[in-house]
Amino acid sequence: MLDINRLQTSDTNFWSQMKDLLAWDNVSDDSVQSTVKQILKDVRRNGDKALVEYTNKFDRMTAADMSVLSIPNERLQQALDGLPEKQRHALEISAERVRRYHEKQKMESWSYTEEDGTLLGQQVTALDRVGLYVPGGQAAYPSSVLMNAIPARVAGVKELIMVVPTPDGQINELVFAAAAITGVDKVFAVGGAQAVAALAYGTESVPQVDKIVGPGNIYVATAKGMVFGTVGIDMIAGPSEILVICDGKTDPDWIAMDLFSQAEHDEDAQPILISPDAEFLDKVQDSIERLLVDIERKEIIEVSLNDRAALIHVNDMDEAIEVCNYIAPEHLELSVDDPQSMLPKIRHAGAIFMGRYTAEALGDYCAGPNHVLPTSRTARFSSALGVYDFQKRSSLIMCSEDGASELGKIASVMARGEGLIAHARSAEYRIKSSD
């Protein structure tokens, strides 16, 4: 039985209701924290031995050593070659579109020279080695391989190390095929906090990486948070979200299915619809109840709709945008006549899907932009994963003799004002005596 939240901005307690609706505790409990901490410590200390033991325990495997869990590149190519033609074509087209989009993001080094000959600039370099965490088993996502590996490759990352659990020995051929298409260098059939530990600290078999990217369960997310600082991470992702703003003119079945597309991820996923048309909200509610009857993953969708969904009535589109900016959604659909006119007012959103024909699902697979997006209102201060997440920027400073002399005078005053005399004298040594 569905009981979807119905909210309206005219209610005096609307904003407190919104705060409660959006609340999601993404902090793991003490038990998870303790377990992950022990796993990280064990793998850091005992390397491959601990990694194999935890993999056998949690993924119900019987591996004798890491050689069994190391996937040769020939096996990846075999998976690609064995795909039905239709699947291979879809995978290759998606990869090419993602690559083409991310090529536009690549940052280049730059510099300029001032009148006195001082050179200032920025040198852009790629990370050396990146770890890709890919969910495995039944919840396997080849699209995650594309979205994480391709921008890293475009950035110029030299080596990609992929970890993917194979619980009960279950292998997803599409994931292996995606690894072949994107040119992943090494693949290990390990997952969970133990895989994160292996990537962060390195073992006899798994090389230490500079950054770990990719989604995972609460143990993976907790582990990523704990190893941050030793390595970089992309983000700590929460449940998937979609916010649809509709003027009431789109087919309500389309909107209902767009909401389902996020609700089916897991019970904590959050689908929200905003409209100034109350009758349209009723129509979408009717579509939801009718379409839910025979949809796959019905049980998951139903929990998501009951626990975290909302149909929100606003007075007008300006109010819809105000609510949107508060939510700062991961995915935003602007299902309206002129979505581009709304863009200047949208301040916070991970990805924006414009127009009635642009389903969010296209962005998950083949549109081109990255589907790794900020969740849980973090779009207020963060962005989609991109090439820039795999590049570093080093400042360049080369002073001429005259430049060092002039800048030295300024630095001397600043340093002495801070009481850092060695700083001041270091700069003063380079001030020309004639000055």
Protein backbone atom coordinates (compact mmCIF):
# COMPACT_ATOMS: atom_id res chain seq x y z
CA MET A 1 0.00 0.00 0.00
CA LEU A 2 1.48 3.33 -1.07
CA ASP A 3 1.61 6.32 1.22
CA ILE A 4 3.71 8.92 -0.59
CA ASN A 5 4.41 12.21 1.18
CA ARG A 6 2.33 15.10 -0.16
CA LEU A 7 3.75 18.51 0.72
CA GLN A 8 2.84 22.04 -0.26
CA THR A 9 4.85 25.19 0.19
CA SER A 10 1.83 27.07 1.51
CA ASP A 11 1.96 25.00 4.72
CA THR A 12 3.51 26.90 7.62
CA ASN A 13 5.73 23.97 8.53
CA PHE A 14 6.82 23.18 4.95
CA TRP A 15 10.53 23.85 5.42
CA SER A 16 10.77 21.77 8.57
CA GLN A 17 9.00 18.97 6.70
CA MET A 18 11.56 19.30 3.91
CA LYS A 19 14.42 19.10 6.37
CA ASP A 20 13.00 15.90 7.83
CA LEU A 21 12.36 14.44 4.38
CA LEU A 22 15.92 15.02 3.20
CA ALA A 23 17.59 13.80 6.38
CA TRP A 24 19.66 10.71 5.81
CA ASP A 25 22.18 9.32 8.25
CA ASN A 26 25.14 8.34 6.12
CA VAL A 27 27.38 7.79 9.12
CA SER A 28 28.03 4.14 9.80
CA ASP A 29 27.33 2.86 13.31
CA ASP A 30 29.96 1.86 15.87
CA SER A 31 29.80 -1.78 14.82
CA VAL A 32 30.59 -0.98 11.17
CA GLN A 33 33.31 1.48 12.18
CA SER A 34 34.96 -1.09 14.43
CA THR A 35 34.79 -3.84 11.82
CA VAL A 36 36.22 -1.66 9.07
CA LYS A 37 38.99 -0.34 11.29
CA GLN A 38 40.07 -3.90 12.10
CA ILE A 39 39.99 -4.94 8.43
CA LEU A 40 42.10 -1.94 7.39
CA LYS A 41 44.64 -2.65 10.12
CA ASP A 42 44.82 -6.34 9.25
CA VAL A 43 45.29 -5.82 5.51
CA ARG A 44 47.85 -3.09 6.09
CA ARG A 45 49.84 -5.42 8.34
CA ASN A 46 49.38 -8.79 6.61
CA GLY A 47 48.82 -7.86 2.98
CA ASP A 48 47.73 -10.61 0.59
CA LYS A 49 47.17 -13.13 3.39
CA ALA A 50 44.53 -10.96 5.09
CA LEU A 51 43.03 -9.92 1.75
CA VAL A 52 42.46 -13.54 0.74
CA GLU A 53 41.05 -14.49 4.15
CA TYR A 54 38.51 -11.66 4.17
CA THR A 55 37.53 -12.33 0.56
CA ASN A 56 36.91 -16.01 1.32
CA LYS A 57 34.92 -15.07 4.41
CA PHE A 58 32.71 -12.28 3.09
CA ASP A 59 32.35 -13.34 -0.55
CA ARG A 60 32.11 -17.07 0.22
CA MET A 61 35.12 -17.89 -1.91
CA THR A 62 37.73 -20.67 -1.57
CA ALA A 63 40.80 -18.92 -2.97
CA ALA A 64 44.13 -20.40 -1.88
CA ASP A 65 46.07 -17.23 -2.71
CA MET A 66 45.92 -14.02 -4.73
CA SER A 67 46.78 -15.77 -7.97
CA VAL A 68 43.22 -17.10 -7.99
CA LEU A 69 41.82 -13.59 -7.46
CA SER A 70 43.98 -11.88 -10.09
CA ILE A 71 42.06 -11.62 -13.37
CA PRO A 72 44.30 -11.81 -16.45
CA ASN A 73 43.76 -9.28 -19.23
CA GLU A 74 43.04 -12.17 -21.60
CA ARG A 75 39.97 -12.98 -19.50
CA LEU A 76 38.74 -9.39 -19.87
CA GLN A 77 39.14 -9.52 -23.62
CA GLN A 78 37.38 -12.89 -23.67
CA ALA A 79 34.40 -11.29 -21.91
CA LEU A 80 34.30 -8.51 -24.50
CA ASP A 81 34.60 -10.89 -27.44
CA GLY A 82 31.87 -13.10 -26.03
CA LEU A 83 29.24 -10.38 -25.69
CA PRO A 84 26.19 -10.45 -27.94
CA GLU A 85 26.70 -7.96 -30.74
CA LYS A 86 23.93 -5.67 -29.49
CA GLN A 87 25.47 -5.42 -26.00
CA ARG A 88 28.97 -4.86 -27.32
CA HIS A 89 27.74 -2.13 -29.65
CA ALA A 90 25.90 -0.37 -26.82
CA LEU A 91 28.97 -0.59 -24.57
CA GLU A 92 31.29 0.77 -27.25
CA ILE A 93 28.97 3.63 -28.23
CA SER A 94 28.51 4.59 -24.57
CA ALA A 95 32.27 4.52 -23.99
CA GLU A 96 32.93 6.69 -27.03
CA ARG A 97 30.32 9.27 -26.02
CA VAL A 98 31.66 9.42 -22.45
CA ARG A 99 35.21 9.78 -23.78
CA ARG A 100 34.24 12.54 -26.22
CA TYR A 101 32.49 14.54 -23.51
CA HIS A 102 35.35 14.24 -21.04
CA GLU A 103 37.96 15.28 -23.60
CA LYS A 104 36.43 18.78 -23.29
CA GLN A 105 37.31 18.88 -19.58
CA LYS A 106 41.03 18.32 -19.82
CA MET A 107 43.02 21.12 -18.20
CA GLU A 108 46.27 22.30 -19.78
CA SER A 109 49.33 23.90 -18.24
CA TRP A 110 49.73 27.65 -18.66
CA SER A 111 52.11 30.45 -17.75
CA TYR A 112 52.73 34.14 -18.36
CA THR A 113 55.76 36.41 -18.02
CA GLU A 114 55.58 39.79 -16.30
CA GLU A 115 57.37 42.91 -17.56
CA ASP A 116 60.37 42.37 -15.27
CA GLY A 117 60.84 38.80 -16.53
CA THR A 118 59.13 36.97 -13.64
CA LEU A 119 57.31 33.85 -14.83
CA LEU A 120 54.13 32.66 -13.13
CA GLY A 121 51.92 29.77 -14.14
CA GLN A 122 50.42 26.41 -13.45
CA GLN A 123 51.63 22.94 -14.43
CA VAL A 124 48.94 20.29 -14.81
CA THR A 125 49.90 16.64 -14.34
CA ALA A 126 47.89 13.44 -14.07
CA LEU A 127 47.82 11.12 -11.09
CA ASP A 128 50.14 8.14 -11.50
CA ARG A 129 47.85 5.31 -10.40
CA VAL A 130 44.11 5.16 -9.62
CA GLY A 131 42.02 2.45 -8.00
CA LEU A 132 38.53 1.76 -9.36
CA TYR A 133 36.04 0.14 -7.00
CA VAL A 134 33.24 -1.55 -8.95
CA PRO A 135 30.31 -3.31 -7.25
CA GLY A 136 30.07 -7.00 -8.14
CA GLY A 137 27.73 -9.96 -8.13
CA GLN A 138 24.12 -9.26 -9.02
CA ALA A 139 24.49 -5.53 -8.29
CA ALA A 140 27.16 -5.11 -10.97
CA TYR A 141 27.38 -1.95 -13.02
CA PRO A 142 29.52 -1.87 -16.18
CA SER A 143 28.48 1.78 -16.53
CA SER A 144 30.48 2.48 -13.35
CA VAL A 145 33.59 1.17 -15.06
CA LEU A 146 33.08 3.55 -17.98
CA MET A 147 32.31 6.58 -15.82
CA ASN A 148 35.34 6.11 -13.55
CA ALA A 149 37.96 4.72 -15.91
CA ILE A 150 37.42 6.92 -18.97
CA PRO A 151 37.95 10.35 -17.35
CA ALA A 152 41.04 8.93 -15.62
CA ARG A 153 42.41 7.78 -18.97
CA VAL A 154 41.58 11.10 -20.62
CA ALA A 155 43.43 12.87 -17.79
CA GLY A 156 46.52 10.79 -18.54
CA VAL A 157 46.55 8.44 -15.55
CA LYS A 158 49.26 5.86 -16.26
CA GLU A 159 47.80 2.87 -14.45
CA LEU A 160 44.25 1.81 -13.52
CA ILE A 161 43.73 -0.90 -10.91
CA MET A 162 40.19 -2.29 -10.67
CA VAL A 163 38.73 -4.26 -7.79
CA VAL A 164 35.39 -6.01 -8.17
CA PRO A 165 33.95 -8.61 -5.78
CA THR A 166 32.72 -11.90 -7.23
CA PRO A 167 30.56 -13.30 -4.40
CA ASP A 168 30.06 -17.05 -4.71
CA GLY A 169 32.24 -16.85 -7.80
CA GLN A 170 29.58 -14.88 -9.66
CA ILE A 171 31.13 -12.90 -12.52
CA ASN A 172 29.43 -10.18 -14.52
CA GLU A 173 30.73 -10.45 -18.07
CA LEU A 174 29.68 -6.90 -18.91
CA VAL A 175 31.87 -5.52 -16.12
CA PHE A 176 34.89 -7.45 -17.41
CA ALA A 177 34.08 -6.33 -20.95
CA ALA A 178 33.90 -2.69 -19.83
CA ALA A 179 37.31 -3.09 -18.21
CA ALA A 180 38.68 -4.35 -21.54
CA ILE A 181 37.15 -1.45 -23.49
CA THR A 182 38.56 1.17 -21.11
CA GLY A 183 42.01 -0.41 -20.93
CA VAL A 184 42.11 -1.18 -17.21
CA ASP A 185 45.61 -2.48 -16.41
CA LYS A 186 44.94 -4.90 -13.55
CA VAL A 187 41.76 -6.44 -12.13
CA PHE A 188 41.37 -8.22 -8.80
CA ALA A 189 38.29 -10.18 -7.74
CA VAL A 190 38.13 -8.61 -4.29
CA GLY A 191 35.69 -6.20 -2.71
CA GLY A 192 34.51 -4.64 0.53
CA ALA A 193 36.63 -2.74 3.04
CA GLN A 194 39.48 -5.21 2.42
CA ALA A 195 39.71 -4.13 -1.23
CA VAL A 196 39.79 -0.46 -0.22
CA ALA A 197 42.57 -1.27 2.25
CA ALA A 198 44.57 -3.09 -0.43
CA LEU A 199 44.32 -0.13 -2.80
CA ALA A 200 45.15 2.40 -0.09
CA TYR A 201 48.14 0.62 1.48
CA GLY A 202 49.22 -1.84 -1.20
CA THR A 203 49.88 -5.54 -0.74
CA GLU A 204 52.30 -7.97 -2.34
CA SER A 205 49.91 -8.29 -5.29
CA VAL A 206 47.81 -5.11 -5.31
CA PRO A 207 49.73 -1.88 -6.03
CA GLN A 208 49.13 1.12 -3.81
CA VAL A 209 47.16 3.80 -5.65
CA ASP A 210 46.99 7.57 -5.36
CA LYS A 211 43.21 7.85 -5.43
CA ILE A 212 40.22 5.51 -5.02
CA VAL A 213 37.00 6.15 -6.94
CA GLY A 214 33.75 4.26 -7.34
CA PRO A 215 30.61 3.37 -5.36
CA GLY A 216 30.14 0.68 -2.74
CA ASN A 217 28.13 -0.36 0.31
CA ILE A 218 28.37 1.12 3.80
CA TYR A 219 31.56 -0.85 4.56
CA VAL A 220 33.21 0.43 1.39
CA ALA A 221 32.09 4.02 2.06
CA THR A 222 33.32 3.83 5.66
CA ALA A 223 36.66 2.42 4.55
CA LYS A 224 37.09 5.16 1.94
CA GLY A 225 36.47 7.76 4.61
CA MET A 226 39.06 6.16 6.90
CA VAL A 227 41.84 5.91 4.30
CA PHE A 228 41.33 9.45 3.02
CA GLY A 229 44.59 11.29 3.57
CA THR A 230 46.66 8.23 2.80
CA VAL A 231 45.02 8.31 -0.62
CA GLY A 232 42.51 10.60 -2.27
CA ILE A 233 38.89 9.57 -2.75
CA ASP A 234 36.14 10.81 -5.04
CA MET A 235 33.34 11.24 -2.49
CA ILE A 236 31.29 9.48 0.18
CA ALA A 237 28.12 8.85 -1.78
CA GLY A 238 24.67 8.54 -0.26
CA PRO A 239 21.54 7.01 -1.82
CA SER A 240 20.58 7.97 -5.36
CA GLU A 241 18.19 10.92 -5.82
CA ILE A 242 16.05 12.45 -8.52
CA LEU A 243 14.10 15.71 -8.45
CA VAL A 244 11.68 16.36 -11.28
CA ILE A 245 10.25 19.84 -11.82
CA CYS A 246 7.28 19.62 -14.18
CA ASP A 247 4.79 22.22 -15.39
CA GLY A 248 2.07 19.58 -15.69
CA LYS A 249 2.28 19.12 -19.48
CA THR A 250 4.40 15.95 -19.60
CA ASP A 251 2.83 12.49 -19.82
CA PRO A 252 2.36 11.47 -16.16
CA ASP A 253 3.45 7.91 -17.00
CA TRP A 254 6.80 9.26 -18.15
CA ILE A 255 7.29 11.14 -14.89
CA ALA A 256 6.22 8.15 -12.78
CA MET A 257 8.77 5.94 -14.53
CA ASP A 258 11.47 8.59 -14.12
CA LEU A 259 10.80 8.49 -10.38
CA PHE A 260 10.93 4.67 -10.47
CA SER A 261 14.30 4.81 -12.24
CA GLN A 262 15.94 6.09 -9.07
CA ALA A 263 13.69 4.34 -6.56
CA GLU A 264 14.75 0.96 -7.94
CA HIS A 265 18.38 1.50 -6.90
CA ASP A 266 17.65 0.77 -3.23
CA GLU A 267 15.16 1.39 -0.45
CA ASP A 268 16.93 4.60 0.62
CA ALA A 269 16.80 6.21 -2.83
CA GLN A 270 14.84 9.45 -2.97
CA PRO A 271 12.46 10.42 -5.83
CA ILE A 272 10.77 13.83 -5.60
CA LEU A 273 8.36 15.60 -7.97
CA ILE A 274 7.59 19.32 -7.81
CA SER A 275 4.78 20.98 -9.78
CA PRO A 276 2.54 24.05 -9.55
CA ASP A 277 -0.27 21.88 -10.96
CA ALA A 278 -2.00 19.98 -8.13
CA GLU A 279 -4.13 17.96 -10.54
CA PHE A 280 -0.99 16.80 -12.33
CA LEU A 281 0.44 15.54 -9.05
CA ASP A 282 -2.73 13.48 -8.65
CA LYS A 283 -2.31 12.09 -12.17
CA VAL A 284 1.28 11.08 -11.45
CA GLN A 285 0.15 9.42 -8.22
CA ASP A 286 -2.37 7.42 -10.26
CA SER A 287 0.33 6.47 -12.78
CA ILE A 288 2.63 5.37 -9.98
CA GLU A 289 0.04 3.07 -8.47
CA ARG A 290 -0.90 1.58 -11.85
CA LEU A 291 2.65 1.09 -13.16
CA LEU A 292 3.97 -0.28 -9.87
CA VAL A 293 1.79 -3.39 -10.11
CA ASP A 294 4.00 -5.31 -12.52
CA ILE A 295 7.32 -3.44 -12.42
CA GLU A 296 10.53 -5.34 -11.73
CA ARG A 297 12.11 -4.56 -8.35
CA LYS A 298 8.63 -3.58 -7.13
CA GLU A 299 9.42 -4.24 -3.48
CA ILE A 300 12.46 -1.94 -3.48
CA ILE A 301 10.61 0.81 -5.35
CA GLU A 302 7.66 0.63 -2.99
CA VAL A 303 9.82 1.09 0.11
CA SER A 304 11.64 4.02 -1.47
CA LEU A 305 8.35 5.69 -2.44
CA ASN A 306 6.78 5.22 0.98
CA ASP A 307 9.81 6.19 3.05
CA ARG A 308 11.60 8.90 1.09
CA ALA A 309 9.53 10.12 -1.89
CA ALA A 310 7.46 13.29 -2.06
CA LEU A 311 5.01 15.01 -4.37
CA ILE A 312 5.34 18.75 -3.72
CA HIS A 313 2.84 21.41 -4.77
CA VAL A 314 4.30 24.89 -5.26
CA ASN A 315 2.65 28.17 -6.16
CA ASP A 316 4.76 28.82 -9.27
CA MET A 317 8.01 27.92 -11.02
CA ASP A 318 10.05 30.46 -9.08
CA GLU A 319 9.03 28.67 -5.89
CA ALA A 320 9.87 25.34 -7.50
CA ILE A 321 13.39 26.61 -8.17
CA GLU A 322 13.70 27.85 -4.60
CA VAL A 323 12.85 24.39 -3.28
CA CYS A 324 15.18 22.81 -5.83
CA ASN A 325 18.13 24.90 -4.69
CA TYR A 326 17.45 23.89 -1.11
CA ILE A 327 17.36 20.19 -2.04
CA ALA A 328 20.52 20.47 -4.21
CA PRO A 329 19.61 17.23 -5.99
CA GLU A 330 21.95 14.68 -7.50
CA HIS A 331 19.76 14.47 -10.63
CA LEU A 332 17.44 17.29 -11.70
CA GLU A 333 14.92 16.93 -14.52
CA LEU A 334 13.42 20.15 -15.87
CA SER A 335 10.36 18.74 -17.64
CA VAL A 336 9.08 22.07 -18.95
CA ASP A 337 8.66 23.98 -22.23
CA ASP A 338 11.75 26.19 -21.93
CA PRO A 339 14.23 24.59 -19.52
CA GLN A 340 17.15 26.76 -20.62
CA SER A 341 15.40 29.88 -19.33
CA MET A 342 15.44 28.31 -15.86
CA LEU A 343 19.16 27.50 -15.86
CA PRO A 344 20.45 30.87 -14.58
CA LYS A 345 18.40 30.41 -11.40
CA ILE A 346 19.50 26.81 -10.72
CA ARG A 347 22.46 27.07 -8.34
CA HIS A 348 22.78 23.57 -6.91
CA ALA A 349 22.40 20.32 -8.88
CA GLY A 350 24.73 17.48 -9.78
CA ALA A 351 23.38 17.02 -13.31
CA ILE A 352 20.53 18.83 -15.07
CA PHE A 353 18.37 17.02 -17.62
CA MET A 354 16.49 19.53 -19.73
CA GLY A 355 13.22 19.06 -21.56
CA ARG A 356 10.46 16.47 -21.63
CA TYR A 357 12.43 13.97 -23.71
CA THR A 358 15.58 13.87 -21.58
CA ALA A 359 15.19 10.97 -19.18
CA GLU A 360 17.75 10.83 -16.39
CA ALA A 361 18.46 7.21 -17.36
CA LEU A 362 20.21 8.45 -20.51
CA GLY A 363 22.78 10.15 -18.32
CA ASP A 364 23.42 6.95 -16.41
CA TYR A 365 24.67 5.18 -19.49
CA CYS A 366 25.30 6.92 -22.76
CA ALA A 367 24.62 10.68 -22.91
CA GLY A 368 28.25 11.51 -22.18
CA PRO A 369 28.45 13.45 -18.87
CA ASN A 370 29.55 11.53 -15.80
CA HIS A 371 26.99 9.73 -13.66
CA VAL A 372 29.13 9.91 -10.51
CA LEU A 373 27.39 12.83 -8.84
CA PRO A 374 27.14 14.54 -5.44
CA THR A 375 24.29 13.27 -3.24
CA SER A 376 22.68 14.24 0.08
CA ARG A 377 22.70 17.99 -0.66
CA THR A 378 26.47 18.02 -1.32
CA ALA A 379 25.81 19.53 -4.76
CA ARG A 380 25.87 22.79 -2.80
CA PHE A 381 29.66 22.54 -2.79
CA SER A 382 30.78 19.70 -5.06
CA SER A 383 30.48 18.56 -8.66
CA ALA A 384 30.27 15.56 -10.95
CA LEU A 385 33.34 13.34 -11.23
CA GLY A 386 35.46 14.48 -14.15
CA VAL A 387 38.87 14.61 -15.73
CA TYR A 388 39.88 17.34 -13.27
CA ASP A 389 39.55 14.82 -10.41
CA PHE A 390 42.46 12.89 -11.90
CA GLN A 391 44.72 15.89 -12.53
CA LYS A 392 46.87 17.90 -10.13
CA ARG A 393 47.91 21.52 -10.41
CA SER A 394 51.37 22.75 -9.42
CA SER A 395 52.02 26.47 -9.17
CA LEU A 396 54.99 27.80 -11.15
CA ILE A 397 57.06 30.76 -9.92
CA MET A 398 60.37 31.85 -11.45
CA CYS A 399 61.56 35.31 -10.44
CA SER A 400 63.92 37.40 -12.47
CA GLU A 401 66.57 39.36 -10.59
CA ASP A 402 64.48 42.52 -10.74
CA GLY A 403 61.31 40.65 -9.83
CA ALA A 404 62.92 39.02 -6.80
CA SER A 405 64.13 42.41 -5.63
CA GLU A 406 60.74 44.08 -5.87
CA LEU A 407 58.74 41.15 -4.48
CA GLY A 408 61.32 40.76 -1.72
CA LYS A 409 60.49 44.20 -0.35
CA ILE A 410 56.81 43.30 -0.09
CA ALA A 411 57.48 39.85 1.35
CA SER A 412 59.84 41.34 3.93
CA VAL A 413 57.18 43.70 5.26
CA MET A 414 54.55 40.94 5.34
CA ALA A 415 56.85 38.43 7.04
CA ARG A 416 58.07 40.82 9.71
CA GLY A 417 54.47 41.72 10.39
CA GLU A 418 53.83 38.04 11.11
CA GLY A 419 56.98 37.75 13.24
CA LEU A 420 58.63 35.30 10.84
CA ILE A 421 62.10 36.82 10.61
CA ALA A 422 63.76 33.99 8.68
CA HIS A 423 61.11 34.41 6.00
CA ALA A 424 61.87 38.12 5.85
CA ARG A 425 65.64 37.70 5.70
CA SER A 426 65.35 34.98 3.03
CA ALA A 427 63.50 37.46 0.83
CA GLU A 428 65.78 40.38 1.81
CA TYR A 429 68.93 38.55 0.68
CA ARG A 430 67.63 38.87 -2.89
CA ILE A 431 66.87 42.61 -2.76
CA LYS A 432 69.42 44.38 -4.95
CA SER A 433 71.75 46.62 -2.94
CA SER A 434 71.14 49.58 -5.23
CA ASP A 435 67.47 49.42 -4.23
